[in-house]
Amino acid sequence: MSQGNLRLLRSSDLSGAMELSRAAGWNQTIEDWEMLLRLDPQSCFAVELNDRIVATTTLLCYGQELAWIGMVLTRQEYQRMGFARRLIQTALDRAAELKIECIKLDATSQGQPLYEKLGFQTEQIIERWFCEQPKNNKHARPALSHIPPSPGLDRTAFGADRTRVFAELETRSIPATTAEAYCFSRNGTRFRYLGPCVATEPQAARVVIEQTLRSSTPSGWCWDLLSSNKMAVELAGELGFTPQRRLERMSLGKRFDKNDQMVYAIAGFELG
């Protein structure tokens, strides 16, 4: 069988890309795919075979400090044919060309063996928590009027500059913010997504998360958090969320300073 045509992903491919993420049961929307393509058009890759997109991988660059691999998808009938390995290696080659110091990803159990062979090592566990109707405290102190999320606060927590990503996310919904915290949310194909959320301390996180949960009444919420942040885990449980699945956050290359105890919700498996 043909090895397919490995090339850059184009906007005209996104309906095919959505077929892949829907078939996998993922929550990403066409807006998520469009955002990745706008942010790094030269780092989104696809394999085309028989005039259809059969596999994808994206690389989102945060300066030269960090790049995030995501959207590693292969159409079921073309799995175990080496497409994912080719795409990941292409993303790694792109990162090397850009002199990226560290590459990270959030791995499913299916993808983990491949990433380990390529040199990635597990850093920590990511958990997805879900709730249909959060136990939202209607009497909680509301967040202050809108303050743009502090780049300095976020850089301390995440370890790299996410200004471009925040500009994109703010077109999707206005984040709940205080001087000590922020929380975004956005629609998904299945559930509304909570995150990213960063806070200097638990009460500040609770304020912005509860305001975010009050701002929308979807059929359900999903929340991806670092299991090492016990305060985030405790808060998720108090608000009625329960753990649904686990992924492994893996990294390759240089380590850099970050503060996971400030991260109450990640931005997404494809964003970090």
Protein backbone atom coordinates (compact mmCIF):
# COMPACT_ATOMS: atom_id res chain seq x y z
CA MET A 1 0.00 0.00 0.00
CA SER A 2 1.09 3.58 -0.66
CA GLN A 3 2.88 5.39 2.14
CA GLY A 4 0.69 8.41 1.46
CA ASN A 5 1.64 12.03 0.91
CA LEU A 6 2.98 13.67 4.08
CA ARG A 7 2.45 17.43 3.78
CA LEU A 8 1.36 20.54 5.61
CA LEU A 9 -2.23 20.59 6.81
CA ARG A 10 -4.35 23.16 4.97
CA SER A 11 -7.59 24.91 5.87
CA SER A 12 -9.33 22.91 3.14
CA ASP A 13 -8.35 19.74 5.06
CA LEU A 14 -10.08 20.64 8.29
CA SER A 15 -13.37 18.89 7.58
CA GLY A 16 -11.34 15.70 7.10
CA ALA A 17 -9.36 16.43 10.27
CA MET A 18 -12.62 16.85 12.17
CA GLU A 19 -13.70 13.41 10.94
CA LEU A 20 -10.61 11.96 12.62
CA SER A 21 -11.11 13.70 15.96
CA ARG A 22 -14.84 12.87 15.98
CA ALA A 23 -14.16 9.21 15.21
CA ALA A 24 -11.73 9.12 18.15
CA GLY A 25 -14.41 10.55 20.46
CA TRP A 26 -12.39 13.71 21.11
CA ASN A 27 -13.94 16.99 22.20
CA GLN A 28 -12.14 19.40 19.83
CA THR A 29 -14.18 21.58 17.47
CA ILE A 30 -13.43 22.96 14.02
CA GLU A 31 -12.52 26.22 15.82
CA ASP A 32 -9.80 24.35 17.72
CA TRP A 33 -8.34 23.04 14.47
CA GLU A 34 -8.52 26.51 12.90
CA MET A 35 -6.78 28.03 15.92
CA LEU A 36 -3.85 25.60 15.67
CA LEU A 37 -3.53 26.29 11.96
CA ARG A 38 -3.49 30.06 12.53
CA LEU A 39 -0.96 29.83 15.36
CA ASP A 40 1.58 27.62 13.55
CA PRO A 41 0.63 26.98 9.90
CA GLN A 42 4.10 25.60 9.08
CA SER A 43 3.94 23.09 11.94
CA CYS A 44 0.62 21.31 11.29
CA PHE A 45 1.06 18.10 9.31
CA ALA A 46 -1.13 15.51 7.61
CA VAL A 47 -0.88 12.32 5.61
CA GLU A 48 -3.11 12.26 2.56
CA LEU A 49 -3.99 8.95 0.95
CA ASN A 50 -6.54 8.30 -1.79
CA ASP A 51 -7.61 11.98 -1.70
CA ARG A 52 -8.47 11.94 2.00
CA ILE A 53 -6.74 12.94 5.23
CA VAL A 54 -5.86 9.75 7.10
CA ALA A 55 -3.51 11.03 9.84
CA THR A 56 -2.54 14.31 11.51
CA THR A 57 -0.10 15.83 14.00
CA THR A 58 0.34 19.43 15.14
CA LEU A 59 3.27 21.25 16.75
CA LEU A 60 2.48 24.43 18.67
CA CYS A 61 5.56 26.54 19.40
CA TYR A 62 5.95 28.75 22.46
CA GLY A 63 9.03 30.70 21.37
CA GLN A 64 12.18 28.58 21.33
CA GLU A 65 11.69 27.33 24.89
CA LEU A 66 8.87 24.91 24.29
CA ALA A 67 6.78 23.21 21.61
CA TRP A 68 3.68 21.08 22.15
CA ILE A 69 2.77 18.07 20.02
CA GLY A 70 -0.94 17.38 19.68
CA MET A 71 -3.76 16.11 17.48
CA VAL A 72 -1.95 12.80 16.84
CA LEU A 73 -4.72 10.99 15.00
CA THR A 74 -4.89 8.17 12.47
CA ARG A 75 -8.01 6.89 10.74
CA GLN A 76 -8.76 3.47 12.23
CA GLU A 77 -8.29 1.45 9.05
CA TYR A 78 -4.83 2.98 8.54
CA GLN A 79 -3.48 2.46 12.05
CA ARG A 80 -0.30 0.42 12.62
CA MET A 81 1.06 1.49 9.25
CA GLY A 82 3.66 3.91 10.61
CA PHE A 83 1.82 7.14 9.82
CA ALA A 84 1.92 8.42 13.41
CA ARG A 85 5.66 7.73 13.69
CA ARG A 86 6.34 9.58 10.42
CA LEU A 87 4.27 12.56 11.51
CA ILE A 88 5.81 12.74 14.99
CA GLN A 89 9.30 12.52 13.51
CA THR A 90 8.40 15.31 11.08
CA ALA A 91 7.23 17.43 14.03
CA LEU A 92 10.48 16.68 15.89
CA ASP A 93 12.50 17.62 12.81
CA ARG A 94 10.58 20.89 12.61
CA ALA A 95 11.28 21.56 16.30
CA ALA A 96 15.00 20.88 15.72
CA GLU A 97 15.00 23.25 12.74
CA LEU A 98 13.48 25.96 14.98
CA LYS A 99 15.98 25.13 17.77
CA ILE A 100 13.20 24.36 20.27
CA GLU A 101 14.70 23.44 23.62
CA CYS A 102 11.91 21.22 24.99
CA ILE A 103 9.06 19.29 23.36
CA LYS A 104 6.09 18.02 25.35
CA LEU A 105 2.88 16.09 24.74
CA ASP A 106 0.06 14.39 26.62
CA ALA A 107 0.10 10.70 25.74
CA THR A 108 -2.68 8.14 25.72
CA SER A 109 -1.79 4.57 26.63
CA GLN A 110 -1.97 3.74 22.92
CA GLY A 111 0.58 6.37 21.95
CA GLN A 112 2.93 6.12 24.93
CA PRO A 113 5.12 3.24 23.61
CA LEU A 114 5.87 5.16 20.41
CA TYR A 115 6.81 8.30 22.30
CA GLU A 116 9.10 6.35 24.61
CA LYS A 117 10.90 4.89 21.59
CA LEU A 118 11.46 8.44 20.35
CA GLY A 119 13.05 9.45 23.67
CA PHE A 120 10.13 11.04 25.54
CA GLN A 121 9.93 10.47 29.29
CA THR A 122 6.91 10.70 31.58
CA GLU A 123 6.85 13.88 33.63
CA GLN A 124 3.53 13.46 35.43
CA ILE A 125 -0.08 12.29 35.13
CA ILE A 126 -2.87 14.36 33.57
CA GLU A 127 -6.43 13.52 34.62
CA ARG A 128 -9.66 14.39 32.83
CA TRP A 129 -12.52 15.07 35.21
CA PHE A 130 -16.16 15.33 34.12
CA CYS A 131 -19.42 16.65 35.55
CA GLU A 132 -22.89 17.11 34.09
CA GLN A 133 -24.09 19.65 36.68
CA PRO A 134 -21.34 21.13 38.90
CA LYS A 135 -22.11 21.87 42.55
CA ASN A 136 -21.62 25.58 41.98
CA ASN A 137 -21.66 27.80 45.06
CA LYS A 138 -24.09 30.53 44.08
CA HIS A 139 -23.02 32.62 47.04
CA ALA A 140 -19.29 32.56 46.22
CA ARG A 141 -17.55 35.92 45.97
CA PRO A 142 -17.74 36.94 42.29
CA ALA A 143 -14.60 37.61 40.30
CA LEU A 144 -13.61 41.20 39.74
CA SER A 145 -14.55 42.99 36.53
CA HIS A 146 -12.50 41.82 33.58
CA ILE A 147 -8.73 42.18 33.92
CA PRO A 148 -6.59 40.75 31.09
CA PRO A 149 -4.81 37.59 32.31
CA SER A 150 -1.34 38.52 33.55
CA PRO A 151 1.40 37.23 31.19
CA GLY A 152 3.83 37.25 34.11
CA LEU A 153 1.52 35.17 36.28
CA ASP A 154 0.97 32.66 33.51
CA ARG A 155 4.64 32.43 32.56
CA THR A 156 5.56 31.62 36.16
CA ALA A 157 3.00 28.80 36.17
CA PHE A 158 3.41 27.39 32.65
CA GLY A 159 7.06 28.23 32.05
CA ALA A 160 6.68 29.79 28.59
CA ASP A 161 4.89 32.71 26.92
CA ARG A 162 1.28 31.85 25.94
CA THR A 163 0.24 35.37 24.89
CA ARG A 164 -0.66 34.31 21.33
CA VAL A 165 -2.78 31.42 22.57
CA PHE A 166 -4.60 33.65 25.04
CA ALA A 167 -5.41 36.14 22.27
CA GLU A 168 -7.04 33.28 20.36
CA LEU A 169 -8.92 31.95 23.38
CA GLU A 170 -10.29 35.39 24.23
CA THR A 171 -12.08 35.43 20.87
CA ARG A 172 -13.96 32.32 22.04
CA SER A 173 -15.01 33.54 25.51
CA ILE A 174 -14.06 36.23 28.01
CA PRO A 175 -12.08 34.67 30.88
CA ALA A 176 -13.04 35.10 34.51
CA THR A 177 -10.19 36.99 36.16
CA THR A 178 -8.93 38.54 39.36
CA ALA A 179 -5.52 39.99 40.11
CA GLU A 180 -4.48 36.54 41.39
CA ALA A 181 -6.15 34.18 38.93
CA TYR A 182 -7.80 33.61 35.57
CA CYS A 183 -9.95 30.87 34.04
CA PHE A 184 -10.95 30.34 30.40
CA SER A 185 -13.58 28.04 28.94
CA ARG A 186 -14.71 27.12 25.45
CA ASN A 187 -17.21 24.95 23.64
CA GLY A 188 -16.38 21.40 22.62
CA THR A 189 -18.13 18.97 20.31
CA ARG A 190 -19.32 16.94 23.32
CA PHE A 191 -18.85 19.06 26.47
CA ARG A 192 -17.78 22.55 27.46
CA TYR A 193 -14.09 22.71 28.31
CA LEU A 194 -12.81 24.33 31.52
CA GLY A 195 -9.30 25.75 31.21
CA PRO A 196 -6.69 26.96 31.20
CA CYS A 197 -6.83 28.17 34.80
CA VAL A 198 -3.90 29.56 36.77
CA ALA A 199 -4.02 30.97 40.31
CA THR A 200 -1.64 32.02 43.04
CA GLU A 201 -3.66 30.20 45.73
CA PRO A 202 -6.70 27.89 46.04
CA GLN A 203 -9.33 30.48 46.99
CA ALA A 204 -8.46 32.61 43.96
CA ALA A 205 -8.79 29.52 41.76
CA ARG A 206 -12.18 28.70 43.30
CA VAL A 207 -13.48 32.22 42.62
CA VAL A 208 -12.68 32.23 38.90
CA ILE A 209 -13.66 28.58 38.35
CA GLU A 210 -17.03 29.02 40.05
CA GLN A 211 -17.70 32.16 38.04
CA THR A 212 -16.81 30.27 34.87
CA LEU A 213 -19.17 27.43 35.75
CA ARG A 214 -21.97 29.93 36.39
CA SER A 215 -21.39 31.63 33.03
CA SER A 216 -22.72 28.75 30.95
CA THR A 217 -25.13 25.83 31.31
CA PRO A 218 -23.94 23.17 28.86
CA SER A 219 -24.88 19.47 28.94
CA GLY A 220 -21.62 18.79 30.76
CA TRP A 221 -18.13 20.05 31.60
CA CYS A 222 -14.71 18.49 31.21
CA TRP A 223 -11.68 19.66 33.17
CA ASP A 224 -8.11 18.45 32.60
CA LEU A 225 -5.83 18.88 35.58
CA LEU A 226 -2.41 17.89 36.87
CA SER A 227 -2.79 15.10 39.41
CA SER A 228 0.22 16.51 41.28
CA ASN A 229 -1.80 19.64 42.14
CA LYS A 230 -3.73 18.21 45.09
CA MET A 231 -5.61 21.48 45.64
CA ALA A 232 -6.98 21.31 42.07
CA VAL A 233 -7.97 17.66 42.58
CA GLU A 234 -9.72 18.53 45.87
CA LEU A 235 -11.55 21.48 44.31
CA ALA A 236 -12.73 19.40 41.34
CA GLY A 237 -14.17 16.82 43.73
CA GLU A 238 -15.90 19.47 45.84
CA LEU A 239 -17.56 20.89 42.73
CA GLY A 240 -18.98 17.48 41.77
CA PHE A 241 -16.45 16.42 39.14
CA THR A 242 -15.21 12.83 38.95
CA PRO A 243 -12.09 11.46 37.20
CA GLN A 244 -12.76 9.94 33.79
CA ARG A 245 -9.40 9.14 32.13
CA ARG A 246 -5.64 9.49 32.59
CA LEU A 247 -2.89 10.52 30.21
CA GLU A 248 0.86 10.85 30.73
CA ARG A 249 2.52 14.20 30.24
CA MET A 250 5.81 13.43 28.53
CA SER A 251 8.80 15.60 27.65
CA LEU A 252 11.92 15.51 25.52
CA GLY A 253 14.86 17.88 25.87
CA LYS A 254 15.77 20.60 28.32
CA ARG A 255 13.76 21.13 31.50
CA PHE A 256 12.71 24.64 32.46
CA ASP A 257 11.20 26.44 35.43
CA LYS A 258 7.44 26.23 35.95
CA ASN A 259 5.05 26.00 38.89
CA ASP A 260 2.52 23.18 38.60
CA GLN A 261 0.91 24.13 41.92
CA MET A 262 -0.41 27.28 40.21
CA VAL A 263 -1.97 25.32 37.34
CA TYR A 264 -5.57 24.42 38.23
CA ALA A 265 -6.59 23.45 34.68
CA ILE A 266 -4.48 22.87 31.60
CA ALA A 267 -5.28 24.52 28.27
CA GLY A 268 -5.91 21.25 26.45
CA PHE A 269 -4.08 18.12 25.37
CA GLU A 270 -3.17 19.85 22.11
CA LEU A 271 -2.13 23.14 23.80
CA GLY A 272 -0.41 22.17 27.04
